[in-house]
Amino acid sequence: MVLLWIFSVISSVTLLSTCSLALSEDGLTLLEIMSTWNDSRNILTNWQATDESPCKWTGISCHPQDQRVTSINLPYMELGGIISPSIGKLSRLQRLALHQNSLHGIIPYEISNCTELRAIYLMANYLQGGIPADIGNLSHLTILDLSSNLLKGAIPSSIGRLTRLRHLNLSTNSFSGEIPDFGSLSTFGNNSFIGNSDLCGRQVHKPCRTSLGFPAVLPHAASDEAAVPPKRSSHYIKGLLIGVISTMAITLLVLLIFLWICLVSKKERAAKKYTEVKKQVDKEASAKLITFHGDLPYPSCEIIEKLESLDEEDVVGSGGFGTVYRMVMNDCGTFAVKRIDRSREGSDQVFERELEILGSINHINLVNLRGYCRLPMSKLLIYDYLAMGSLDDFLHGILLLYGVQYCGL
């Protein structure tokens, strides 16, 4: 019985060893790669170690003659995990399509050993780190799409050696530094690099700057080509000229606007000053002031202002040809003002006659006529003010005291 059990175990081990040895080297490599994946949808259930060849496995294609794996095509499979470094063992691999999955980790540098690769599709995953510096060894590569990942660092200058590269998409990552401008890299434009805010160079129309003003040296450069400053193309010079001209035009426009504002303000101030002067001239033109026996010790404008402000409260008497007012100046100087109403018949003759007679007489027993003023609606005679009453009061013995005038009363 014991011998029978031992024989059964040996037979099982031999059978498993035979099955394992039957699977090709590429098949075993694929199983290693699958072991690092999380197949939540069980897409890879037919990847079995008991098969002789992986060529009928899901997503796998092989060369028809030697049965070597040439393609891994597993997009949109919701695969998680990492890309195993074992990928470098698939030396005949031509197509790697793992886009639109949930793969993370780095792109293994061993991928540069797959020298027959023609297309790499790894977009829309969560890959991190940088692009392997030796990716320039993939001389047959025509398509490289690493967009929409979390990749960072510099773009390897070795990509410029990929002379067969026709499609390059590194957009929507976190690459930084200057994009090398030589080889195949010089043939791609902004669309290949869009979404990497820290990139600079001709391809993205963004000049590179360093603290010393020299062209930036690419970090992690794979060859000496990265250390050679890219030539300033005619497009760059043209863009620089357009920027300078635009800046000068904007500055000139701002200067013209400033000068225009200053000119308008100056005209407004001049117009305002002219209006004020015109008002003053009009006012003085409508009122004419003439003095006798020496000028009154007051500005004409102050006298005219006081004359125009006389009202009933200032009346001290009235006669046949007008009303007499008491006019108190700002320094308490007091004068008697006789207003001759122009509406009265014959008033112009009386006015002129009194001026001719009184203006030429200077007698101790006569009240001095100090001057006269002609206003639009009336004519005013200005006399020295006597505070002891009128001649009529004195002749009839009636003393009507108006009171000694004090400033402010």
Foldseek 3Di string as FASTA:
>chain_A
DVVVVVVVVVVVVVVVVVQQVLADPQLVLVVVQCVQKDQPPCQQVVSDSSDNACCPTPQWHADPPPRQTATRADEPRQMEGEGDLSCLVSLNHAYYAHDHYAYEEEDDLSPLSNLNHAEYHHDDYAYEEEDRLSVLSNQNHAYDAHYHYAYEAEDEPSVLNNQNHNYAAHAQYAYADEQQCHHPSVVAACRRYHNHVRYDYDRNLHADQDPVRDHDQGPPYSDCSSVDDDDQDPVNVVVVVVVVVVVVVVVVVVVVVVVVVVVVVVVVVVVVVVVVVVVVVVVPVQKDKDWAPDADPDDPVQVVVQVVPDDPVQFDAADPFFTWGWGAGPVRQIKIKTKGFPVDPPSVVVVVVCCVPQRVDDDPPDWHFTIKMHHNGIIMTITHDDQFDDPVCVVVVHTDGPDDDDPPD
